[in-house]
PDB file of N, CA and C in Angstrom:
ATOM      1  N   MET A   1      41.663-135.406  -4.902  1.00  0.00           N
ATOM      2  CA  MET A   1      40.927-135.468  -3.824  1.00  0.00           C
ATOM      3  C   MET A   1      39.831-136.305  -4.316  1.00  0.00           C
ATOM      4  N   ALA A   2      39.401-137.170  -3.800  1.00  0.00           N
ATOM      5  CA  ALA A   2      37.988-137.762  -4.015  1.00  0.00           C
ATOM      6  C   ALA A   2      36.669-137.176  -3.680  1.00  0.00           C
ATOM      7  N   ASP A   3      35.483-137.322  -4.144  1.00  0.00           N
ATOM      8  CA  ASP A   3      34.533-136.574  -3.819  1.00  0.00           C
ATOM      9  C   ASP A   3      34.105-136.984  -2.446  1.00  0.00           C
ATOM     10  N   ASP A   4      34.230-138.375  -1.789  1.00  0.00           N
ATOM     11  CA  ASP A   4      33.969-138.631  -0.808  1.00  0.00           C
ATOM     12  C   ASP A   4      34.696-137.906   0.444  1.00  0.00           C
ATOM     13  N   ASP A   5      36.015-137.649   0.255  1.00  0.00           N
ATOM     14  CA  ASP A   5      37.129-136.898   1.222  1.00  0.00           C
ATOM     15  C   ASP A   5      36.339-135.759   1.082  1.00  0.00           C
ATOM     16  N   PHE A   6      36.190-135.003  -0.093  1.00  0.00           N
ATOM     17  CA  PHE A   6      35.686-133.306   0.011  1.00  0.00           C
ATOM     18  C   PHE A   6      34.320-133.435   0.862  1.00  0.00           C
ATOM     19  N   TYR A   7      33.355-133.996   0.853  1.00  0.00           N
ATOM     20  CA  TYR A   7      32.145-133.996   1.098  1.00  0.00           C
ATOM     21  C   TYR A   7      32.172-134.354   2.590  1.00  0.00           C
ATOM     22  N   THR A   8      32.900-135.141   3.142  1.00  0.00           N
ATOM     23  CA  THR A   8      32.763-135.643   4.498  1.00  0.00           C
ATOM     24  C   THR A   8      33.912-135.133   5.372  1.00  0.00           C
ATOM     25  N   ARG A   9      34.782-134.192   4.744  1.00  0.00           N
ATOM     26  CA  ARG A   9      35.760-133.796   5.603  1.00  0.00           C
ATOM     27  C   ARG A   9      35.316-132.764   6.915  1.00  0.00           C
ATOM     28  N   ASP A  10      34.415-131.900   6.542  1.00  0.00           N
ATOM     29  CA  ASP A  10      33.799-131.197   7.474  1.00  0.00           C
ATOM     30  C   ASP A  10      32.801-131.297   8.191  1.00  0.00           C
ATOM     31  N   ARG A  11      32.202-132.665   8.062  1.00  0.00           N
ATOM     32  CA  ARG A  11      30.747-132.965   8.478  1.00  0.00           C
ATOM     33  C   ARG A  11      30.917-133.801   9.876  1.00  0.00           C
ATOM     34  N   PRO A  12      29.857-133.572  10.924  1.00  0.00           N
ATOM     35  CA  PRO A  12      30.072-134.423  12.096  1.00  0.00           C
ATOM     36  C   PRO A  12      30.178-135.658  11.950  1.00  0.00           C
ATOM     37  N   GLU A  13      30.318-136.511  13.061  1.00  0.00           N
ATOM     38  CA  GLU A  13      30.183-137.814  13.147  1.00  0.00           C
ATOM     39  C   GLU A  13      29.050-138.489  12.633  1.00  0.00           C
ATOM     40  N   ASN A  14      28.138-138.032  13.275  1.00  0.00           N
ATOM     41  CA  ASN A  14      26.651-138.383  13.052  1.00  0.00           C
ATOM     42  C   ASN A  14      25.741-137.252  12.304  1.00  0.00           C
ATOM     43  N   PRO A  15      25.969-137.051  10.960  1.00  0.00           N
ATOM     44  CA  PRO A  15      25.249-136.046  10.271  1.00  0.00           C
ATOM     45  C   PRO A  15      23.880-135.995  10.363  1.00  0.00           C
ATOM     46  N   GLY A  16      23.214-137.117  10.688  1.00  0.00           N
ATOM     47  CA  GLY A  16      21.814-137.076  10.216  1.00  0.00           C
ATOM     48  C   GLY A  16      20.960-136.526  11.324  1.00  0.00           C
ATOM     49  N   LEU A  17      19.985-135.944  10.884  1.00  0.00           N
ATOM     50  CA  LEU A  17      19.154-135.087  11.484  1.00  0.00           C
ATOM     51  C   LEU A  17      17.842-135.807  11.803  1.00  0.00           C
ATOM     52  N   PRO A  18      16.930-135.677  12.942  1.00  0.00           N
ATOM     53  CA  PRO A  18      15.638-136.151  13.200  1.00  0.00           C
ATOM     54  C   PRO A  18      14.940-135.586  11.983  1.00  0.00           C
ATOM     55  N   GLU A  19      13.927-136.146  11.400  1.00  0.00           N
ATOM     56  CA  GLU A  19      12.699-135.383  10.579  1.00  0.00           C
ATOM     57  C   GLU A  19      11.994-134.169  11.361  1.00  0.00           C
ATOM     58  N   ASP A  20      12.029-133.034  10.811  1.00  0.00           N
ATOM     59  CA  ASP A  20      11.113-132.182  11.505  1.00  0.00           C
ATOM     60  C   ASP A  20       9.678-132.454  11.254  1.00  0.00           C
ATOM     61  N   ARG A  21       9.323-132.986   9.992  1.00  0.00           N
ATOM     62  CA  ARG A  21       7.907-133.232   9.578  1.00  0.00           C
ATOM     63  C   ARG A  21       7.856-134.567   9.215  1.00  0.00           C
ATOM     64  N   PRO A  22       7.655-135.561   9.987  1.00  0.00           N
ATOM     65  CA  PRO A  22       7.653-136.987   9.740  1.00  0.00           C
ATOM     66  C   PRO A  22       6.828-137.315   8.709  1.00  0.00           C
ATOM     67  N   ARG A  23       6.902-138.483   7.934  1.00  0.00           N
ATOM     68  CA  ARG A  23       5.652-138.903   7.025  1.00  0.00           C
ATOM     69  C   ARG A  23       5.088-139.931   7.480  1.00  0.00           C
ATOM     70  N   GLY A  24       3.987-140.154   6.989  1.00  0.00           N
ATOM     71  CA  GLY A  24       3.214-141.488   7.095  1.00  0.00           C
ATOM     72  C   GLY A  24       2.352-141.229   8.518  1.00  0.00           C
ATOM     73  N   GLY A  25       1.906-139.945   8.712  1.00  0.00           N
ATOM     74  CA  GLY A  25       0.906-139.759  10.124  1.00  0.00           C
ATOM     75  C   GLY A  25      -0.323-140.382   9.997  1.00  0.00           C
ATOM     76  N   GLY A  26      -0.893-140.706  11.076  1.00  0.00           N
ATOM     77  CA  GLY A  26      -2.343-141.254  10.776  1.00  0.00           C
ATOM     78  C   GLY A  26      -3.310-140.355  10.731  1.00  0.00           C
ATOM     79  N   PRO A  27      -4.606-140.715  10.416  1.00  0.00           N
ATOM     80  CA  PRO A  27      -5.779-139.851   9.992  1.00  0.00           C
ATOM     81  C   PRO A  27      -5.827-138.870  10.919  1.00  0.00           C
ATOM     82  N   GLU A  28      -5.529-138.790  12.177  1.00  0.00           N
ATOM     83  CA  GLU A  28      -5.389-137.843  13.472  1.00  0.00           C
ATOM     84  C   GLU A  28      -5.010-136.285  12.841  1.00  0.00           C
ATOM     85  N   ASP A  29      -3.458-136.799  12.110  1.00  0.00           N
ATOM     86  CA  ASP A  29      -2.923-135.626  12.090  1.00  0.00           C
ATOM     87  C   ASP A  29      -3.665-134.745  10.627  1.00  0.00           C
ATOM     88  N   ALA A  30      -4.349-135.490   9.804  1.00  0.00           N
ATOM     89  CA  ALA A  30      -5.138-135.107   8.657  1.00  0.00           C
ATOM     90  C   ALA A  30      -6.226-134.149   9.160  1.00  0.00           C
ATOM     91  N   SER A  31      -6.897-134.436   9.973  1.00  0.00           N
ATOM     92  CA  SER A  31      -7.702-133.938  10.601  1.00  0.00           C
ATOM     93  C   SER A  31      -7.733-132.651  11.394  1.00  0.00           C
ATOM     94  N   ALA A  32      -6.552-132.596  12.019  1.00  0.00           N
ATOM     95  CA  ALA A  32      -6.056-131.551  13.002  1.00  0.00           C
ATOM     96  C   ALA A  32      -5.407-130.408  11.952  1.00  0.00           C
ATOM     97  N   ARG A  33      -5.293-130.705  11.002  1.00  0.00           N
ATOM     98  CA  ARG A  33      -4.626-129.666   9.706  1.00  0.00           C
ATOM     99  C   ARG A  33      -5.740-129.179   9.100  1.00  0.00           C
ATOM    100  N   SER A  34      -6.732-129.763   8.744  1.00  0.00           N
ATOM    101  CA  SER A  34      -7.735-129.507   7.763  1.00  0.00           C
ATOM    102  C   SER A  34      -8.259-128.180   7.904  1.00  0.00           C
ATOM    103  N   GLY A  35      -8.619-127.783   9.037  1.00  0.00           N
ATOM    104  CA  GLY A  35      -9.358-126.566   9.563  1.00  0.00           C
ATOM    105  C   GLY A  35      -8.611-125.490   9.966  1.00  0.00           C
ATOM    106  N   THR A  36      -7.644-125.141   9.480  1.00  0.00           N
ATOM    107  CA  THR A  36      -6.615-124.163  10.154  1.00  0.00           C
ATOM    108  C   THR A  36      -7.027-122.927   9.995  1.00  0.00           C
ATOM    109  N   ARG A  37      -6.392-121.970  11.049  1.00  0.00           N
ATOM    110  CA  ARG A  37      -7.129-120.933  11.116  1.00  0.00           C
ATOM    111  C   ARG A  37      -6.612-119.895  10.134  1.00  0.00           C
ATOM    112  N   ARG A  38      -5.671-119.910   9.803  1.00  0.00           N
ATOM    113  CA  ARG A  38      -4.800-119.013   8.539  1.00  0.00           C
ATOM    114  C   ARG A  38      -5.885-119.393   7.479  1.00  0.00           C
ATOM    115  N   GLY A  39      -6.093-120.609   6.847  1.00  0.00           N
ATOM    116  CA  GLY A  39      -7.022-120.959   5.903  1.00  0.00           C
ATOM    117  C   GLY A  39      -8.131-120.365   5.697  1.00  0.00           C
ATOM    118  N   LYS A  40      -8.933-120.198   7.271  1.00  0.00           N
ATOM    119  CA  LYS A  40     -10.410-119.489   7.132  1.00  0.00           C
ATOM    120  C   LYS A  40     -10.001-117.946   7.198  1.00  0.00           C
ATOM    121  N   GLN A  41      -9.013-117.384   7.344  1.00  0.00           N
ATOM    122  CA  GLN A  41      -8.768-116.055   7.500  1.00  0.00           C
ATOM    123  C   GLN A  41      -8.502-115.683   5.660  1.00  0.00           C
ATOM    124  N   VAL A  42      -7.974-116.561   5.000  1.00  0.00           N
ATOM    125  CA  VAL A  42      -7.749-116.355   3.489  1.00  0.00           C
ATOM    126  C   VAL A  42      -9.018-116.341   2.822  1.00  0.00           C
ATOM    127  N   TRP A  43     -10.070-117.320   3.404  1.00  0.00           N
ATOM    128  CA  TRP A  43     -11.232-117.366   2.654  1.00  0.00           C
ATOM    129  C   TRP A  43     -12.056-116.207   2.934  1.00  0.00           C
ATOM    130  N   VAL A  44     -11.937-115.790   4.133  1.00  0.00           N
ATOM    131  CA  VAL A  44     -12.503-114.355   4.580  1.00  0.00           C
ATOM    132  C   VAL A  44     -12.273-113.267   3.716  1.00  0.00           C
ATOM    133  N   ILE A  45     -11.087-113.033   3.723  1.00  0.00           N
ATOM    134  CA  ILE A  45     -10.318-112.049   2.744  1.00  0.00           C
ATOM    135  C   ILE A  45     -10.844-112.181   1.328  1.00  0.00           C
ATOM    136  N   ILE A  46     -10.965-113.274   0.854  1.00  0.00           N
ATOM    137  CA  ILE A  46     -11.162-113.346  -0.610  1.00  0.00           C
ATOM    138  C   ILE A  46     -12.718-113.260  -0.635  1.00  0.00           C
ATOM    139  N   GLY A  47     -13.505-113.549   0.283  1.00  0.00           N
ATOM    140  CA  GLY A  47     -14.716-113.113   0.119  1.00  0.00           C
ATOM    141  C   GLY A  47     -15.363-111.716   0.363  1.00  0.00           C
ATOM    142  N   LEU A  48     -14.555-111.169   1.169  1.00  0.00           N
ATOM    143  CA  LEU A  48     -14.707-109.530   1.234  1.00  0.00           C
ATOM    144  C   LEU A  48     -14.357-109.001   0.309  1.00  0.00           C
ATOM    145  N   VAL A  49     -13.362-109.140  -0.554  1.00  0.00           N
ATOM    146  CA  VAL A  49     -12.670-108.540  -1.664  1.00  0.00           C
ATOM    147  C   VAL A  49     -13.933-109.067  -2.837  1.00  0.00           C
ATOM    148  N   ALA A  50     -14.490-110.000  -3.052  1.00  0.00           N
ATOM    149  CA  ALA A  50     -15.418-110.322  -3.962  1.00  0.00           C
ATOM    150  C   ALA A  50     -16.670-109.812  -3.582  1.00  0.00           C
ATOM    151  N   LEU A  51     -17.136-109.565  -2.558  1.00  0.00           N
ATOM    152  CA  LEU A  51     -18.214-108.635  -2.160  1.00  0.00           C
ATOM    153  C   LEU A  51     -17.833-107.396  -2.366  1.00  0.00           C
ATOM    154  N   LEU A  52     -16.807-106.901  -2.235  1.00  0.00           N
ATOM    155  CA  LEU A  52     -16.485-105.493  -2.404  1.00  0.00           C
ATOM    156  C   LEU A  52     -16.731-105.193  -4.114  1.00  0.00           C
ATOM    157  N   ILE A  53     -16.167-106.035  -5.021  1.00  0.00           N
ATOM    158  CA  ILE A  53     -16.086-105.831  -6.365  1.00  0.00           C
ATOM    159  C   ILE A  53     -17.557-105.996  -6.684  1.00  0.00           C
ATOM    160  N   ILE A  54     -18.567-106.915  -6.363  1.00  0.00           N
ATOM    161  CA  ILE A  54     -19.925-106.838  -6.639  1.00  0.00           C
ATOM    162  C   ILE A  54     -20.397-105.650  -6.293  1.00  0.00           C
ATOM    163  N   LEU A  55     -20.482-105.263  -4.964  1.00  0.00           N
ATOM    164  CA  LEU A  55     -20.925-103.856  -4.733  1.00  0.00           C
ATOM    165  C   LEU A  55     -20.619-102.518  -5.714  1.00  0.00           C
ATOM    166  N   LEU A  56     -19.421-102.564  -5.713  1.00  0.00           N
ATOM    167  CA  LEU A  56     -18.869-101.699  -6.728  1.00  0.00           C
ATOM    168  C   LEU A  56     -19.521-101.843  -8.350  1.00  0.00           C
ATOM    169  N   ALA A  57     -19.501-102.962  -8.594  1.00  0.00           N
ATOM    170  CA  ALA A  57     -20.213-103.217  -9.980  1.00  0.00           C
ATOM    171  C   ALA A  57     -21.740-102.874  -9.938  1.00  0.00           C
ATOM    172  N   LEU A  58     -22.341-103.270  -9.057  1.00  0.00           N
ATOM    173  CA  LEU A  58     -23.766-102.821  -8.948  1.00  0.00           C
ATOM    174  C   LEU A  58     -24.026-101.294  -8.594  1.00  0.00           C
ATOM    175  N   LEU A  59     -22.973-100.387  -7.854  1.00  0.00           N
ATOM    176  CA  LEU A  59     -23.274 -98.959  -7.828  1.00  0.00           C
ATOM    177  C   LEU A  59     -22.771 -98.092  -8.863  1.00  0.00           C
ATOM    178  N   MET A  60     -22.268 -98.826  -9.958  1.00  0.00           N
ATOM    179  CA  MET A  60     -21.573 -98.000 -10.817  1.00  0.00           C
ATOM    180  C   MET A  60     -22.773 -97.883 -11.763  1.00  0.00           C
ATOM    181  N   PRO A  61     -23.012 -96.948 -12.365  1.00  0.00           N
ATOM    182  CA  PRO A  61     -24.056 -97.235 -13.582  1.00  0.00           C
ATOM    183  C   PRO A  61     -23.353 -97.214 -14.976  1.00  0.00           C
TER     184      PRO A  61
END
Protein backbone atom coordinates (compact mmCIF):
# COMPACT_ATOMS: atom_id res chain seq x y z
CA MET A 1 0.00 0.00 0.00
CA ALA A 2 1.43 3.38 -0.99
CA ASP A 3 1.64 6.26 1.46
CA ASP A 4 -0.86 8.29 -0.56
CA ASP A 5 -3.43 5.51 -0.34
CA PHE A 6 -2.90 5.08 3.38
CA TYR A 7 -3.30 8.76 4.28
CA THR A 8 -6.10 9.64 1.87
CA ARG A 9 -8.27 6.61 2.47
CA ASP A 10 -10.19 7.95 5.48
CA ARG A 11 -10.06 11.68 4.67
CA PRO A 12 -13.05 13.67 3.40
CA GLU A 13 -13.22 14.97 -0.16
CA ASN A 14 -12.31 18.52 0.89
CA PRO A 15 -10.03 18.15 3.93
CA GLY A 16 -8.90 21.80 3.98
CA LEU A 17 -10.14 23.86 6.90
CA PRO A 18 -10.34 27.65 7.03
CA GLU A 19 -7.65 29.26 9.15
CA ASP A 20 -8.81 30.08 12.64
CA ARG A 21 -6.02 32.67 13.00
CA PRO A 22 -5.41 34.26 9.59
CA ARG A 23 -1.96 35.73 9.03
CA GLY A 24 -1.10 39.12 7.63
CA GLY A 25 -3.55 41.25 9.57
CA GLY A 26 -3.38 45.00 9.35
CA PRO A 27 -2.19 47.41 12.05
CA GLU A 28 -5.65 47.52 13.61
CA ASP A 29 -5.26 43.88 14.65
CA ALA A 30 -2.01 44.52 16.52
CA SER A 31 -3.38 47.47 18.47
CA ALA A 32 -6.46 45.52 19.51
CA ARG A 33 -4.32 42.81 21.10
CA SER A 34 -1.57 44.95 22.64
CA GLY A 35 -3.34 45.90 25.88
CA THR A 36 -5.24 42.81 26.81
CA ARG A 37 -6.97 42.56 30.14
CA ARG A 38 -5.22 39.32 31.02
CA GLY A 39 -1.82 40.88 30.40
CA LYS A 40 -2.64 43.72 32.78
CA GLN A 41 -3.77 41.26 35.44
CA VAL A 42 -0.46 39.41 35.19
CA TRP A 43 1.50 42.62 35.71
CA VAL A 44 -0.66 43.59 38.69
CA ILE A 45 0.00 40.22 40.33
CA ILE A 46 3.75 40.50 39.64
CA GLY A 47 3.74 43.97 41.17
CA LEU A 48 1.86 42.83 44.28
CA VAL A 49 4.23 39.93 44.83
CA ALA A 50 7.25 42.23 44.42
CA LEU A 51 5.73 44.71 46.87
CA LEU A 52 5.10 41.94 49.38
CA ILE A 53 8.70 40.73 49.11
CA ILE A 54 10.02 44.28 49.59
CA LEU A 55 7.79 44.84 52.63
CA LEU A 56 8.86 41.54 54.17
CA ALA A 57 12.51 42.40 53.57
CA LEU A 58 12.10 45.80 55.25
CA LEU A 59 10.15 44.52 58.25
CA MET A 60 12.47 41.64 59.08
CA PRO A 61 15.52 42.76 61.08
